[in-house]
């Protein structure tokens, strides 16, 4: 594993031997998420940030700056 990591310019795995045997394997960082997932992620993150305890649909719409109730209910 260590040799292959070196050959591919990856971070070397970490081997931990305590009560259990663990290996931490690092993957290369890629920026391959499609734009569809990114825009959804931003919207979901905004919704999560907007929620405070219990909120009504109207309160969520106001915080998210969503004007049309029909769109909010259907999507």
C-alpha atoms as a PDB file:
ATOM      1  CA  UNK A   1       0.000   0.000   0.000  1.00  0.00           C
ATOM      2  CA  UNK A   2       2.801   2.384   0.891  1.00  0.00           C
ATOM      3  CA  UNK A   3       4.652   1.667  -2.366  1.00  0.00           C
ATOM      4  CA  UNK A   4       1.534   2.193  -4.445  1.00  0.00           C
ATOM      5  CA  UNK A   5       0.774   5.460  -2.619  1.00  0.00           C
ATOM      6  CA  UNK A   6       4.300   6.712  -3.364  1.00  0.00           C
ATOM      7  CA  UNK A   7       4.085   5.632  -7.011  1.00  0.00           C
ATOM      8  CA  UNK A   8       0.839   7.580  -7.452  1.00  0.00           C
ATOM      9  CA  UNK A   9       1.868  10.674  -5.458  1.00  0.00           C
ATOM     10  CA  UNK A  10      -0.738   9.963  -2.794  1.00  0.00           C
ATOM     11  CA  UNK A  11      -0.530  10.487   0.942  1.00  0.00           C
ATOM     12  CA  UNK A  12       0.854   7.380   2.627  1.00  0.00           C
ATOM     13  CA  UNK A  13      -1.708   5.337   4.617  1.00  0.00           C
ATOM     14  CA  UNK A  14      -1.539   5.464   8.392  1.00  0.00           C
ATOM     15  CA  UNK A  15      -1.380   2.141  10.221  1.00  0.00           C
ATOM     16  CA  UNK A  16      -2.608   2.144  13.835  1.00  0.00           C
ATOM     17  CA  UNK A  17      -2.178  -0.840  16.115  1.00  0.00           C
ATOM     18  CA  UNK A  18      -3.944  -0.332  19.436  1.00  0.00           C
ATOM     19  CA  UNK A  19      -6.572  -2.667  20.783  1.00  0.00           C
ATOM     20  CA  UNK A  20      -7.701  -2.899  17.164  1.00  0.00           C
ATOM     21  CA  UNK A  21      -5.846  -2.656  13.883  1.00  0.00           C
ATOM     22  CA  UNK A  22      -6.818   0.377  11.825  1.00  0.00           C
ATOM     23  CA  UNK A  23      -5.684   1.751   8.490  1.00  0.00           C
ATOM     24  CA  UNK A  24      -6.420   5.298   7.369  1.00  0.00           C
ATOM     25  CA  UNK A  25      -6.350   5.526   3.592  1.00  0.00           C
ATOM     26  CA  UNK A  26      -6.331   8.906   1.879  1.00  0.00           C
ATOM     27  CA  UNK A  27      -7.917   9.492  -1.499  1.00  0.00           C
ATOM     28  CA  UNK A  28      -6.932  12.172  -3.956  1.00  0.00           C
ATOM     29  CA  UNK A  29      -9.057  15.290  -3.785  1.00  0.00           C
ATOM     30  CA  UNK A  30     -11.066  15.831  -6.955  1.00  0.00           C
ATOM     31  CA  UNK A  31     -13.511  18.514  -7.950  1.00  0.00           C
ATOM     32  CA  UNK A  32     -15.795  16.379 -10.081  1.00  0.00           C
ATOM     33  CA  UNK A  33     -19.243  17.043  -8.627  1.00  0.00           C
ATOM     34  CA  UNK A  34     -21.650  18.094 -11.333  1.00  0.00           C
ATOM     35  CA  UNK A  35     -23.199  21.549 -11.247  1.00  0.00           C
ATOM     36  CA  UNK A  36     -26.617  19.971 -10.498  1.00  0.00           C
ATOM     37  CA  UNK A  37     -25.374  18.623  -7.181  1.00  0.00           C
ATOM     38  CA  UNK A  38     -23.574  21.839  -6.302  1.00  0.00           C
ATOM     39  CA  UNK A  39     -26.628  24.047  -6.750  1.00  0.00           C
ATOM     40  CA  UNK A  40     -28.757  21.603  -4.776  1.00  0.00           C
ATOM     41  CA  UNK A  41     -26.148  21.492  -2.039  1.00  0.00           C
ATOM     42  CA  UNK A  42     -26.153  25.282  -1.751  1.00  0.00           C
ATOM     43  CA  UNK A  43     -29.937  25.351  -1.501  1.00  0.00           C
ATOM     44  CA  UNK A  44     -29.971  22.587   1.092  1.00  0.00           C
ATOM     45  CA  UNK A  45     -27.220  24.309   3.089  1.00  0.00           C
ATOM     46  CA  UNK A  46     -29.200  27.569   3.020  1.00  0.00           C
ATOM     47  CA  UNK A  47     -32.326  25.758   4.188  1.00  0.00           C
ATOM     48  CA  UNK A  48     -30.490  24.087   7.061  1.00  0.00           C
ATOM     49  CA  UNK A  49     -28.925  27.405   8.076  1.00  0.00           C
ATOM     50  CA  UNK A  50     -32.349  29.060   7.953  1.00  0.00           C
ATOM     51  CA  UNK A  51     -34.131  26.594  10.208  1.00  0.00           C
ATOM     52  CA  UNK A  52     -34.442  27.612  13.833  1.00  0.00           C
ATOM     53  CA  UNK A  53     -36.330  25.136  15.999  1.00  0.00           C
ATOM     54  CA  UNK A  54     -39.844  24.718  14.621  1.00  0.00           C
ATOM     55  CA  UNK A  55     -40.906  27.019  11.804  1.00  0.00           C
ATOM     56  CA  UNK A  56     -44.055  27.278   9.753  1.00  0.00           C
ATOM     57  CA  UNK A  57     -43.993  27.038   5.964  1.00  0.00           C
ATOM     58  CA  UNK A  58     -44.548  30.781   5.755  1.00  0.00           C
ATOM     59  CA  UNK A  59     -41.627  31.526   8.095  1.00  0.00           C
ATOM     60  CA  UNK A  60     -39.316  29.238   6.107  1.00  0.00           C
ATOM     61  CA  UNK A  61     -40.408  30.922   2.872  1.00  0.00           C
ATOM     62  CA  UNK A  62     -39.632  34.337   4.331  1.00  0.00           C
ATOM     63  CA  UNK A  63     -36.193  33.299   5.586  1.00  0.00           C
ATOM     64  CA  UNK A  64     -35.351  31.620   2.254  1.00  0.00           C
ATOM     65  CA  UNK A  65     -36.794  34.571   0.294  1.00  0.00           C
ATOM     66  CA  UNK A  66     -39.190  32.272  -1.590  1.00  0.00           C
ATOM     67  CA  UNK A  67     -42.155  34.216  -2.903  1.00  0.00           C
ATOM     68  CA  UNK A  68     -44.572  31.634  -4.362  1.00  0.00           C
ATOM     69  CA  UNK A  69     -46.172  29.125  -1.984  1.00  0.00           C
ATOM     70  CA  UNK A  70     -47.076  26.770  -4.855  1.00  0.00           C
ATOM     71  CA  UNK A  71     -43.451  26.309  -5.857  1.00  0.00           C
ATOM     72  CA  UNK A  72     -42.455  25.791  -2.244  1.00  0.00           C
ATOM     73  CA  UNK A  73     -45.051  23.066  -1.726  1.00  0.00           C
ATOM     74  CA  UNK A  74     -44.365  21.227  -5.019  1.00  0.00           C
ATOM     75  CA  UNK A  75     -40.572  21.389  -5.066  1.00  0.00           C
END
